[in-house]
Amino acid sequence: MSMTTELVQSESVLGELIKAETDVQIATAKAWPRDLKTFVSRATDMVTMSEDIAGECLYSLKRSGKTIEGPSVRFAEFITSAWGNCRCGARVVGEDERFVTAQGVFSDLEANVIVTMEIRRRITDSKGNRYNDDMIGVTANAACAIAVRNVTLKGIPKGFWAPIFDKARQTAIGDAKLLSTKRQQLVSYFSKMGVDASMIETYLQVPSVEMITLDNIATLRGLATRIKDGDVTIDEAFRIERTVSGPNEYDDQLIAELDGADDLTEVNAIRDLTLEQHDDDDQRKIINALCDVRVKQIKATRGERSNEIKEQETT
């Protein structure tokens, strides 16, 4: 038997198995149809179970100085589970020199509705250099996750999930009585990542952290979700906002130099040398902000090492 014949037979067997599985799932869906009131109740309970869970349901993105906010990949997972009688998934269907393309599929087995969408993610940096294999893999996974989210939010009618998302958002940001506490919590959360108050102020375009509103809380929650999911890094997120008004020719090089600095003396030397090369006030602010982030990271690392040493001494 030739290799071609074996391959054809294997594909035929796989096709039959997939068809049999799908037929069983459709029969099950018809036998136990979903109850829409149960869906709303169950999904709402899921996304509002805690403040942290609700926060992971938010997604925020900056584009051309405007904030785009919406439901996250986590939110889509919750409503898929609550909706029931459906299948969803994604796969990479294309890759060229600049982009990777993922296709998402959502199938409502009960309603016999299928939704497919494709999404592209760039696999080059700001200078046009192609990512390495590991980063391409990470980007492809992120593209697949987003593709699944998009088809899920299309496959499940928005009229059902939009009110649920609003309740998740309200749970995540709280009310005005807790606004001051929410501000402090988020400033503390981001400071552990090397993001100081001034960077948050620039990101939100507010004069001070005391002016952060409930809507700003939602924006930061959404950003925290993107960072946690690996959709964007701290440097990428805050560098984008710092360089909206101008070019960033030196950002990548400066960040690379700072990443290689292991102590504060090296950081200060890089800071002084870079500042000498730029007279523009906005550029100098960016340089100082990037250097300040590295300083905080080094100090945080030293603190962790100090705690480890103390623990070893006590044991």
C-alpha atoms as a PDB file:
ATOM      1  CA  MET A   1       0.000   0.000   0.000  1.00  0.00           C
ATOM      2  CA  SER A   2       1.441   3.354  -1.019  1.00  0.00           C
ATOM      3  CA  MET A   3       1.956   6.256   1.352  1.00  0.00           C
ATOM      4  CA  THR A   4      -0.622   8.296  -0.609  1.00  0.00           C
ATOM      5  CA  THR A   5      -3.258   5.607  -0.170  1.00  0.00           C
ATOM      6  CA  GLU A   6      -2.558   5.356   3.564  1.00  0.00           C
ATOM      7  CA  LEU A   7      -2.862   9.121   3.910  1.00  0.00           C
ATOM      8  CA  VAL A   8      -6.197   9.188   2.091  1.00  0.00           C
ATOM      9  CA  GLN A   9      -7.532   6.384   4.279  1.00  0.00           C
ATOM     10  CA  SER A  10      -6.356   8.143   7.457  1.00  0.00           C
ATOM     11  CA  GLU A  11      -8.081  11.351   6.404  1.00  0.00           C
ATOM     12  CA  SER A  12     -11.237   9.417   5.605  1.00  0.00           C
ATOM     13  CA  VAL A  13     -11.261   7.754   9.030  1.00  0.00           C
ATOM     14  CA  LEU A  14     -10.650  11.087  10.767  1.00  0.00           C
ATOM     15  CA  GLY A  15     -13.474  12.671   8.790  1.00  0.00           C
ATOM     16  CA  GLU A  16     -15.863   9.904   9.817  1.00  0.00           C
ATOM     17  CA  LEU A  17     -14.901  10.285  13.491  1.00  0.00           C
ATOM     18  CA  ILE A  18     -15.442  14.050  13.409  1.00  0.00           C
ATOM     19  CA  LYS A  19     -18.821  13.587  11.687  1.00  0.00           C
ATOM     20  CA  ALA A  20     -19.895  10.995  14.273  1.00  0.00           C
ATOM     21  CA  GLU A  21     -18.879  13.279  17.165  1.00  0.00           C
ATOM     22  CA  THR A  22     -20.718  16.229  15.628  1.00  0.00           C
ATOM     23  CA  ASP A  23     -23.880  14.172  15.033  1.00  0.00           C
ATOM     24  CA  VAL A  24     -23.892  13.084  18.687  1.00  0.00           C
ATOM     25  CA  GLN A  25     -23.429  16.676  19.873  1.00  0.00           C
ATOM     26  CA  ILE A  26     -26.241  17.933  17.627  1.00  0.00           C
ATOM     27  CA  ALA A  27     -28.567  15.200  18.859  1.00  0.00           C
ATOM     28  CA  THR A  28     -27.710  16.089  22.465  1.00  0.00           C
ATOM     29  CA  ALA A  29     -28.323  19.786  21.801  1.00  0.00           C
ATOM     30  CA  LYS A  30     -31.743  19.050  20.302  1.00  0.00           C
ATOM     31  CA  ALA A  31     -32.661  16.790  23.213  1.00  0.00           C
ATOM     32  CA  TRP A  32     -31.658  19.336  25.874  1.00  0.00           C
ATOM     33  CA  PRO A  33     -32.093  22.821  24.379  1.00  0.00           C
ATOM     34  CA  ARG A  34     -30.742  25.831  26.233  1.00  0.00           C
ATOM     35  CA  ASP A  35     -32.885  28.023  28.430  1.00  0.00           C
ATOM     36  CA  LEU A  36     -32.136  31.698  27.809  1.00  0.00           C
ATOM     37  CA  LYS A  37     -33.060  32.793  31.336  1.00  0.00           C
ATOM     38  CA  THR A  38     -30.727  30.158  32.718  1.00  0.00           C
ATOM     39  CA  PHE A  39     -27.979  31.402  30.398  1.00  0.00           C
ATOM     40  CA  VAL A  40     -28.330  34.998  31.589  1.00  0.00           C
ATOM     41  CA  SER A  41     -28.441  33.958  35.241  1.00  0.00           C
ATOM     42  CA  ARG A  42     -25.513  31.557  35.015  1.00  0.00           C
ATOM     43  CA  ALA A  43     -23.289  33.872  32.963  1.00  0.00           C
ATOM     44  CA  THR A  44     -24.013  36.796  35.273  1.00  0.00           C
ATOM     45  CA  ASP A  45     -23.138  34.730  38.325  1.00  0.00           C
ATOM     46  CA  MET A  46     -19.875  33.690  36.693  1.00  0.00           C
ATOM     47  CA  VAL A  47     -18.592  37.118  35.665  1.00  0.00           C
ATOM     48  CA  THR A  48     -19.660  38.880  38.884  1.00  0.00           C
ATOM     49  CA  MET A  49     -18.460  36.205  41.309  1.00  0.00           C
ATOM     50  CA  SER A  50     -15.577  38.431  42.446  1.00  0.00           C
ATOM     51  CA  GLU A  51     -13.918  41.729  41.626  1.00  0.00           C
ATOM     52  CA  ASP A  52     -10.869  39.971  40.186  1.00  0.00           C
ATOM     53  CA  ILE A  53     -12.929  37.733  37.922  1.00  0.00           C
ATOM     54  CA  ALA A  54     -14.964  40.711  36.724  1.00  0.00           C
ATOM     55  CA  GLY A  55     -11.761  42.658  36.072  1.00  0.00           C
ATOM     56  CA  GLU A  56     -10.468  39.911  33.783  1.00  0.00           C
ATOM     57  CA  CYS A  57     -13.615  40.300  31.687  1.00  0.00           C
ATOM     58  CA  LEU A  58     -12.569  43.815  30.623  1.00  0.00           C
ATOM     59  CA  TYR A  59     -10.330  44.674  27.708  1.00  0.00           C
ATOM     60  CA  SER A  60      -8.987  48.102  26.823  1.00  0.00           C
ATOM     61  CA  LEU A  61      -6.841  49.275  23.947  1.00  0.00           C
ATOM     62  CA  LYS A  62      -5.405  52.650  22.941  1.00  0.00           C
ATOM     63  CA  ARG A  63      -5.672  53.653  19.301  1.00  0.00           C
ATOM     64  CA  SER A  64      -4.821  57.145  18.017  1.00  0.00           C
ATOM     65  CA  GLY A  65      -5.286  58.611  21.474  1.00  0.00           C
ATOM     66  CA  LYS A  66      -8.719  57.028  21.958  1.00  0.00           C
ATOM     67  CA  THR A  67      -9.604  54.211  24.345  1.00  0.00           C
ATOM     68  CA  ILE A  68     -11.362  51.174  22.925  1.00  0.00           C
ATOM     69  CA  GLU A  69     -13.002  49.091  25.625  1.00  0.00           C
ATOM     70  CA  GLY A  70     -14.838  45.812  25.368  1.00  0.00           C
ATOM     71  CA  PRO A  71     -15.185  42.206  26.525  1.00  0.00           C
ATOM     72  CA  SER A  72     -12.015  40.144  26.857  1.00  0.00           C
ATOM     73  CA  VAL A  73     -11.089  36.588  25.926  1.00  0.00           C
ATOM     74  CA  ARG A  74     -11.980  35.543  29.499  1.00  0.00           C
ATOM     75  CA  PHE A  75     -15.468  37.020  29.142  1.00  0.00           C
ATOM     76  CA  ALA A  76     -15.995  35.066  25.923  1.00  0.00           C
ATOM     77  CA  GLU A  77     -14.967  31.870  27.739  1.00  0.00           C
ATOM     78  CA  PHE A  78     -17.545  32.486  30.465  1.00  0.00           C
ATOM     79  CA  ILE A  79     -20.471  33.113  28.122  1.00  0.00           C
ATOM     80  CA  THR A  80     -19.499  30.163  25.913  1.00  0.00           C
ATOM     81  CA  SER A  81     -19.689  27.889  28.938  1.00  0.00           C
ATOM     82  CA  ALA A  82     -23.034  29.345  29.998  1.00  0.00           C
ATOM     83  CA  TRP A  83     -24.491  29.328  26.451  1.00  0.00           C
ATOM     84  CA  GLY A  84     -23.898  25.596  25.970  1.00  0.00           C
ATOM     85  CA  ASN A  85     -24.658  23.389  22.977  1.00  0.00           C
ATOM     86  CA  CYS A  86     -21.894  25.024  20.960  1.00  0.00           C
ATOM     87  CA  ARG A  87     -18.343  24.461  19.740  1.00  0.00           C
ATOM     88  CA  CYS A  88     -15.579  26.960  19.136  1.00  0.00           C
ATOM     89  CA  GLY A  89     -11.918  26.929  18.241  1.00  0.00           C
ATOM     90  CA  ALA A  90      -9.195  28.555  16.184  1.00  0.00           C
ATOM     91  CA  ARG A  91      -6.197  27.674  14.076  1.00  0.00           C
ATOM     92  CA  VAL A  92      -3.420  29.457  12.213  1.00  0.00           C
ATOM     93  CA  VAL A  93      -4.276  29.517   8.503  1.00  0.00           C
ATOM     94  CA  GLY A  94      -1.534  31.735   7.126  1.00  0.00           C
ATOM     95  CA  GLU A  95       1.861  33.280   7.789  1.00  0.00           C
ATOM     96  CA  ASP A  96       3.907  35.634   5.646  1.00  0.00           C
ATOM     97  CA  GLU A  97       6.855  37.917   6.286  1.00  0.00           C
ATOM     98  CA  ARG A  98       4.807  40.484   8.226  1.00  0.00           C
ATOM     99  CA  PHE A  99       1.638  38.865   9.519  1.00  0.00           C
ATOM    100  CA  VAL A 100       0.241  35.682  10.979  1.00  0.00           C
ATOM    101  CA  THR A 101      -3.424  34.917  10.265  1.00  0.00           C
ATOM    102  CA  ALA A 102      -5.716  32.949  12.575  1.00  0.00           C
ATOM    103  CA  GLN A 103      -9.212  31.715  11.807  1.00  0.00           C
ATOM    104  CA  GLY A 104     -11.820  31.395  14.536  1.00  0.00           C
ATOM    105  CA  VAL A 105     -14.910  29.176  14.249  1.00  0.00           C
ATOM    106  CA  PHE A 106     -18.048  29.191  16.410  1.00  0.00           C
ATOM    107  CA  SER A 107     -20.761  26.618  15.825  1.00  0.00           C
ATOM    108  CA  ASP A 108     -24.146  26.745  17.543  1.00  0.00           C
ATOM    109  CA  LEU A 109     -25.167  23.091  17.383  1.00  0.00           C
ATOM    110  CA  GLU A 110     -28.719  23.800  18.501  1.00  0.00           C
ATOM    111  CA  ALA A 111     -29.463  26.664  16.099  1.00  0.00           C
ATOM    112  CA  ASN A 112     -27.348  25.251  13.237  1.00  0.00           C
ATOM    113  CA  VAL A 113     -25.420  28.521  12.939  1.00  0.00           C
ATOM    114  CA  ILE A 114     -21.713  28.733  12.123  1.00  0.00           C
ATOM    115  CA  VAL A 115     -19.615  31.898  12.357  1.00  0.00           C
ATOM    116  CA  THR A 116     -16.051  32.146  11.019  1.00  0.00           C
ATOM    117  CA  MET A 117     -13.698  35.110  11.159  1.00  0.00           C
ATOM    118  CA  GLU A 118     -10.036  35.718  10.470  1.00  0.00           C
ATOM    119  CA  ILE A 119      -7.660  38.007  12.327  1.00  0.00           C
ATOM    120  CA  ARG A 120      -4.126  39.119  11.466  1.00  0.00           C
ATOM    121  CA  ARG A 121      -1.377  39.956  13.928  1.00  0.00           C
ATOM    122  CA  ARG A 122       1.885  41.624  13.020  1.00  0.00           C
ATOM    123  CA  ILE A 123       5.056  39.577  13.527  1.00  0.00           C
ATOM    124  CA  THR A 124       7.543  42.418  12.982  1.00  0.00           C
ATOM    125  CA  ASP A 125       8.817  45.040  15.419  1.00  0.00           C
ATOM    126  CA  SER A 126       8.658  48.812  14.991  1.00  0.00           C
ATOM    127  CA  LYS A 127      11.731  48.688  12.733  1.00  0.00           C
ATOM    128  CA  GLY A 128      10.313  46.022  10.461  1.00  0.00           C
ATOM    129  CA  ASN A 129      12.473  43.185  11.804  1.00  0.00           C
ATOM    130  CA  ARG A 130      10.760  39.803  11.859  1.00  0.00           C
ATOM    131  CA  TYR A 131      10.190  38.192  15.285  1.00  0.00           C
ATOM    132  CA  ASN A 132      12.083  35.085  16.283  1.00  0.00           C
ATOM    133  CA  ASP A 133      10.319  31.708  16.239  1.00  0.00           C
ATOM    134  CA  ASP A 134       9.296  31.855  19.906  1.00  0.00           C
ATOM    135  CA  MET A 135       7.703  35.289  19.564  1.00  0.00           C
ATOM    136  CA  ILE A 136       5.923  34.236  16.379  1.00  0.00           C
ATOM    137  CA  GLY A 137       4.478  31.304  18.308  1.00  0.00           C
ATOM    138  CA  VAL A 138       3.322  33.583  21.128  1.00  0.00           C
ATOM    139  CA  THR A 139       1.774  35.989  18.626  1.00  0.00           C
ATOM    140  CA  ALA A 140       0.014  33.147  16.818  1.00  0.00           C
ATOM    141  CA  ASN A 141      -1.480  31.902  20.099  1.00  0.00           C
ATOM    142  CA  ALA A 142      -2.690  35.406  20.916  1.00  0.00           C
ATOM    143  CA  ALA A 143      -4.231  35.698  17.446  1.00  0.00           C
ATOM    144  CA  CYS A 144      -6.075  32.411  17.945  1.00  0.00           C
ATOM    145  CA  ALA A 145      -7.412  33.523  21.336  1.00  0.00           C
ATOM    146  CA  ILE A 146      -8.667  36.798  19.877  1.00  0.00           C
ATOM    147  CA  ALA A 147     -10.198  35.005  16.899  1.00  0.00           C
ATOM    148  CA  VAL A 148     -12.168  32.724  19.246  1.00  0.00           C
ATOM    149  CA  ARG A 149     -13.336  35.730  21.250  1.00  0.00           C
ATOM    150  CA  ASN A 150     -14.505  37.558  18.137  1.00  0.00           C
ATOM    151  CA  VAL A 151     -16.501  34.661  16.691  1.00  0.00           C
ATOM    152  CA  THR A 152     -18.018  33.875  20.095  1.00  0.00           C
ATOM    153  CA  LEU A 153     -19.251  37.438  20.494  1.00  0.00           C
ATOM    154  CA  LYS A 154     -20.733  37.207  16.999  1.00  0.00           C
ATOM    155  CA  GLY A 155     -22.208  33.737  17.415  1.00  0.00           C
ATOM    156  CA  ILE A 156     -23.961  34.580  20.694  1.00  0.00           C
ATOM    157  CA  PRO A 157     -26.302  37.518  20.008  1.00  0.00           C
ATOM    158  CA  LYS A 158     -25.062  40.761  21.560  1.00  0.00           C
ATOM    159  CA  GLY A 159     -28.491  41.485  22.993  1.00  0.00           C
ATOM    160  CA  PHE A 160     -27.971  38.614  25.419  1.00  0.00           C
ATOM    161  CA  TRP A 161     -24.361  39.206  26.508  1.00  0.00           C
ATOM    162  CA  ALA A 162     -24.120  43.035  26.473  1.00  0.00           C
ATOM    163  CA  PRO A 163     -26.092  43.522  29.745  1.00  0.00           C
ATOM    164  CA  ILE A 164     -23.991  40.773  31.335  1.00  0.00           C
ATOM    165  CA  PHE A 165     -20.801  42.575  30.312  1.00  0.00           C
ATOM    166  CA  ASP A 166     -22.130  45.824  31.808  1.00  0.00           C
ATOM    167  CA  LYS A 167     -22.639  44.059  35.142  1.00  0.00           C
ATOM    168  CA  ALA A 168     -19.108  42.625  34.992  1.00  0.00           C
ATOM    169  CA  ARG A 169     -17.733  46.102  34.308  1.00  0.00           C
ATOM    170  CA  GLN A 170     -19.673  47.576  37.214  1.00  0.00           C
ATOM    171  CA  THR A 171     -18.415  44.852  39.546  1.00  0.00           C
ATOM    172  CA  ALA A 172     -14.825  45.446  38.425  1.00  0.00           C
ATOM    173  CA  ILE A 173     -14.793  49.223  38.918  1.00  0.00           C
ATOM    174  CA  GLY A 174     -17.129  49.449  41.938  1.00  0.00           C
ATOM    175  CA  ASP A 175     -18.934  52.653  42.857  1.00  0.00           C
ATOM    176  CA  ALA A 176     -17.815  56.171  43.715  1.00  0.00           C
ATOM    177  CA  LYS A 177     -17.609  55.363  47.420  1.00  0.00           C
ATOM    178  CA  LEU A 178     -14.666  53.042  46.791  1.00  0.00           C
ATOM    179  CA  LEU A 179     -12.999  55.143  44.086  1.00  0.00           C
ATOM    180  CA  SER A 180     -10.110  56.292  46.281  1.00  0.00           C
ATOM    181  CA  THR A 181      -9.353  52.717  47.330  1.00  0.00           C
ATOM    182  CA  LYS A 182      -9.531  51.509  43.728  1.00  0.00           C
ATOM    183  CA  ARG A 183      -7.041  54.181  42.659  1.00  0.00           C
ATOM    184  CA  GLN A 184      -4.548  53.150  45.315  1.00  0.00           C
ATOM    185  CA  GLN A 185      -4.916  49.463  44.499  1.00  0.00           C
ATOM    186  CA  LEU A 186      -4.266  49.944  40.789  1.00  0.00           C
ATOM    187  CA  VAL A 187      -1.381  52.370  41.302  1.00  0.00           C
ATOM    188  CA  SER A 188       0.174  49.836  43.669  1.00  0.00           C
ATOM    189  CA  TYR A 189      -0.499  46.986  41.212  1.00  0.00           C
ATOM    190  CA  PHE A 190       1.266  48.729  38.339  1.00  0.00           C
ATOM    191  CA  SER A 191       4.090  50.071  40.510  1.00  0.00           C
ATOM    192  CA  LYS A 192       5.138  46.465  41.183  1.00  0.00           C
ATOM    193  CA  MET A 193       5.701  46.186  37.429  1.00  0.00           C
ATOM    194  CA  GLY A 194       7.882  49.288  37.336  1.00  0.00           C
ATOM    195  CA  VAL A 195       5.130  51.687  36.237  1.00  0.00           C
ATOM    196  CA  ASP A 196       5.036  54.841  38.343  1.00  0.00           C
ATOM    197  CA  ALA A 197       2.192  57.299  38.880  1.00  0.00           C
ATOM    198  CA  SER A 198       3.451  59.733  36.231  1.00  0.00           C
ATOM    199  CA  MET A 199       3.326  57.023  33.567  1.00  0.00           C
ATOM    200  CA  ILE A 200      -0.232  56.147  34.543  1.00  0.00           C
ATOM    201  CA  GLU A 201      -1.155  59.835  34.365  1.00  0.00           C
ATOM    202  CA  THR A 202       0.314  60.051  30.859  1.00  0.00           C
ATOM    203  CA  TYR A 203      -1.450  56.877  29.771  1.00  0.00           C
ATOM    204  CA  LEU A 204      -4.833  58.104  30.999  1.00  0.00           C
ATOM    205  CA  GLN A 205      -4.116  61.750  30.100  1.00  0.00           C
ATOM    206  CA  VAL A 206      -5.082  62.998  33.556  1.00  0.00           C
ATOM    207  CA  PRO A 207      -3.223  65.684  35.559  1.00  0.00           C
ATOM    208  CA  SER A 208      -2.790  63.445  38.627  1.00  0.00           C
ATOM    209  CA  VAL A 209      -3.790  60.033  39.938  1.00  0.00           C
ATOM    210  CA  GLU A 210      -6.259  61.763  42.253  1.00  0.00           C
ATOM    211  CA  MET A 211      -8.225  62.687  39.127  1.00  0.00           C
ATOM    212  CA  ILE A 212      -8.666  59.087  37.990  1.00  0.00           C
ATOM    213  CA  THR A 213     -12.355  58.378  37.362  1.00  0.00           C
ATOM    214  CA  LEU A 214     -14.384  55.168  37.393  1.00  0.00           C
ATOM    215  CA  ASP A 215     -14.069  55.012  33.605  1.00  0.00           C
ATOM    216  CA  ASN A 216     -10.285  55.289  33.995  1.00  0.00           C
ATOM    217  CA  ILE A 217     -10.427  52.411  36.480  1.00  0.00           C
ATOM    218  CA  ALA A 218     -12.130  50.299  33.794  1.00  0.00           C
ATOM    219  CA  THR A 219      -9.421  51.280  31.285  1.00  0.00           C
ATOM    220  CA  LEU A 220      -6.628  50.243  33.649  1.00  0.00           C
ATOM    221  CA  ARG A 221      -8.420  47.008  34.493  1.00  0.00           C
ATOM    222  CA  GLY A 222      -8.676  46.230  30.801  1.00  0.00           C
ATOM    223  CA  LEU A 223      -5.005  47.007  30.282  1.00  0.00           C
ATOM    224  CA  ALA A 224      -4.070  44.763  33.209  1.00  0.00           C
ATOM    225  CA  THR A 225      -5.988  41.920  31.541  1.00  0.00           C
ATOM    226  CA  ARG A 226      -4.114  42.413  28.264  1.00  0.00           C
ATOM    227  CA  ILE A 227      -0.772  42.350  30.095  1.00  0.00           C
ATOM    228  CA  LYS A 228      -1.737  39.271  32.105  1.00  0.00           C
ATOM    229  CA  ASP A 229      -2.843  37.447  28.962  1.00  0.00           C
ATOM    230  CA  GLY A 230       0.454  38.286  27.250  1.00  0.00           C
ATOM    231  CA  ASP A 231      -1.305  40.324  24.573  1.00  0.00           C
ATOM    232  CA  VAL A 232       0.976  43.286  25.310  1.00  0.00           C
ATOM    233  CA  THR A 233       4.008  43.917  27.523  1.00  0.00           C
ATOM    234  CA  ILE A 234       4.433  46.719  30.034  1.00  0.00           C
ATOM    235  CA  ASP A 235       7.010  48.434  27.845  1.00  0.00           C
ATOM    236  CA  GLU A 236       4.838  48.142  24.747  1.00  0.00           C
ATOM    237  CA  ALA A 237       1.692  49.392  26.448  1.00  0.00           C
ATOM    238  CA  PHE A 238       3.155  52.498  28.015  1.00  0.00           C
ATOM    239  CA  ARG A 239       5.666  53.241  25.265  1.00  0.00           C
ATOM    240  CA  ILE A 240       2.816  53.391  22.742  1.00  0.00           C
ATOM    241  CA  GLU A 241       1.151  56.140  24.709  1.00  0.00           C
ATOM    242  CA  ARG A 242       4.356  58.067  25.292  1.00  0.00           C
ATOM    243  CA  THR A 243       5.224  58.141  21.604  1.00  0.00           C
ATOM    244  CA  VAL A 244       1.822  58.853  20.058  1.00  0.00           C
ATOM    245  CA  SER A 245       2.776  62.459  19.323  1.00  0.00           C
ATOM    246  CA  GLY A 246       6.144  61.737  17.742  1.00  0.00           C
ATOM    247  CA  PRO A 247       8.580  59.169  16.321  1.00  0.00           C
ATOM    248  CA  ASN A 248      10.325  56.581  18.445  1.00  0.00           C
ATOM    249  CA  GLU A 249      13.550  55.912  16.561  1.00  0.00           C
ATOM    250  CA  TYR A 250      15.566  55.587  19.737  1.00  0.00           C
ATOM    251  CA  ASP A 251      13.052  53.768  21.962  1.00  0.00           C
ATOM    252  CA  ASP A 252      13.920  50.198  20.960  1.00  0.00           C
ATOM    253  CA  GLN A 253      17.654  50.813  21.225  1.00  0.00           C
ATOM    254  CA  LEU A 254      17.318  52.545  24.590  1.00  0.00           C
ATOM    255  CA  ILE A 255      15.130  49.786  26.003  1.00  0.00           C
ATOM    256  CA  ALA A 256      17.620  47.170  24.817  1.00  0.00           C
ATOM    257  CA  GLU A 257      20.475  49.048  26.511  1.00  0.00           C
ATOM    258  CA  LEU A 258      18.487  49.415  29.738  1.00  0.00           C
ATOM    259  CA  ASP A 259      17.552  45.724  29.753  1.00  0.00           C
ATOM    260  CA  GLY A 260      21.260  44.945  29.743  1.00  0.00           C
ATOM    261  CA  ALA A 261      21.933  47.232  32.728  1.00  0.00           C
ATOM    262  CA  ASP A 262      22.161  45.288  35.995  1.00  0.00           C
ATOM    263  CA  ASP A 263      22.799  48.100  38.464  1.00  0.00           C
ATOM    264  CA  LEU A 264      21.767  51.710  39.060  1.00  0.00           C
ATOM    265  CA  THR A 265      25.166  53.097  38.055  1.00  0.00           C
ATOM    266  CA  GLU A 266      24.796  51.647  34.560  1.00  0.00           C
ATOM    267  CA  VAL A 267      21.263  53.005  34.250  1.00  0.00           C
ATOM    268  CA  ASN A 268      22.356  56.494  35.259  1.00  0.00           C
ATOM    269  CA  ALA A 269      25.245  56.379  32.786  1.00  0.00           C
ATOM    270  CA  ILE A 270      22.872  55.392  29.975  1.00  0.00           C
ATOM    271  CA  ARG A 271      20.458  58.116  31.056  1.00  0.00           C
ATOM    272  CA  ASP A 272      23.113  60.842  31.035  1.00  0.00           C
ATOM    273  CA  LEU A 273      24.549  59.781  27.683  1.00  0.00           C
ATOM    274  CA  THR A 274      21.117  59.575  26.025  1.00  0.00           C
ATOM    275  CA  LEU A 275      19.948  62.904  27.426  1.00  0.00           C
ATOM    276  CA  GLU A 276      23.008  64.591  25.971  1.00  0.00           C
ATOM    277  CA  GLN A 277      21.902  63.469  22.513  1.00  0.00           C
ATOM    278  CA  HIS A 278      18.388  64.951  22.710  1.00  0.00           C
ATOM    279  CA  ASP A 279      17.292  68.532  23.333  1.00  0.00           C
ATOM    280  CA  ASP A 280      13.554  68.129  22.802  1.00  0.00           C
ATOM    281  CA  ASP A 281      11.686  68.285  26.133  1.00  0.00           C
ATOM    282  CA  ASP A 282       9.175  65.562  25.164  1.00  0.00           C
ATOM    283  CA  GLN A 283      11.954  63.197  24.132  1.00  0.00           C
ATOM    284  CA  ARG A 284      13.838  63.857  27.360  1.00  0.00           C
ATOM    285  CA  LYS A 285      10.699  63.050  29.350  1.00  0.00           C
ATOM    286  CA  ILE A 286      10.409  59.729  27.537  1.00  0.00           C
ATOM    287  CA  ILE A 287      14.068  58.939  28.212  1.00  0.00           C
ATOM    288  CA  ASN A 288      13.685  59.699  31.904  1.00  0.00           C
ATOM    289  CA  ALA A 289      10.482  57.646  32.102  1.00  0.00           C
ATOM    290  CA  LEU A 290      12.125  54.601  30.501  1.00  0.00           C
ATOM    291  CA  CYS A 291      15.140  54.886  32.778  1.00  0.00           C
ATOM    292  CA  ASP A 292      12.907  55.274  35.834  1.00  0.00           C
ATOM    293  CA  VAL A 293      11.118  52.045  34.915  1.00  0.00           C
ATOM    294  CA  ARG A 294      14.427  50.163  34.805  1.00  0.00           C
ATOM    295  CA  VAL A 295      15.487  51.684  38.135  1.00  0.00           C
ATOM    296  CA  LYS A 296      12.296  50.420  39.763  1.00  0.00           C
ATOM    297  CA  GLN A 297      12.784  46.963  38.240  1.00  0.00           C
ATOM    298  CA  ILE A 298      16.340  46.734  39.590  1.00  0.00           C
ATOM    299  CA  LYS A 299      15.256  47.895  43.048  1.00  0.00           C
ATOM    300  CA  ALA A 300      12.394  45.398  43.053  1.00  0.00           C
ATOM    301  CA  THR A 301      14.777  42.590  42.078  1.00  0.00           C
ATOM    302  CA  ARG A 302      17.171  43.600  44.859  1.00  0.00           C
ATOM    303  CA  GLY A 303      14.299  43.553  47.349  1.00  0.00           C
ATOM    304  CA  GLU A 304      13.289  40.037  46.287  1.00  0.00           C
ATOM    305  CA  ARG A 305      16.894  38.818  46.594  1.00  0.00           C
ATOM    306  CA  SER A 306      17.197  40.419  50.016  1.00  0.00           C
ATOM    307  CA  ASN A 307      14.046  38.645  51.184  1.00  0.00           C
ATOM    308  CA  GLU A 308      15.348  35.325  49.862  1.00  0.00           C
ATOM    309  CA  ILE A 309      18.607  35.781  51.763  1.00  0.00           C
ATOM    310  CA  LYS A 310      16.741  36.622  54.979  1.00  0.00           C
ATOM    311  CA  GLU A 311      14.562  33.522  54.582  1.00  0.00           C
ATOM    312  CA  GLN A 312      17.640  31.341  54.061  1.00  0.00           C
ATOM    313  CA  GLU A 313      19.313  32.821  57.149  1.00  0.00           C
ATOM    314  CA  THR A 314      16.253  32.169  59.310  1.00  0.00           C
ATOM    315  CA  THR A 315      16.047  28.576  58.143  1.00  0.00           C
END
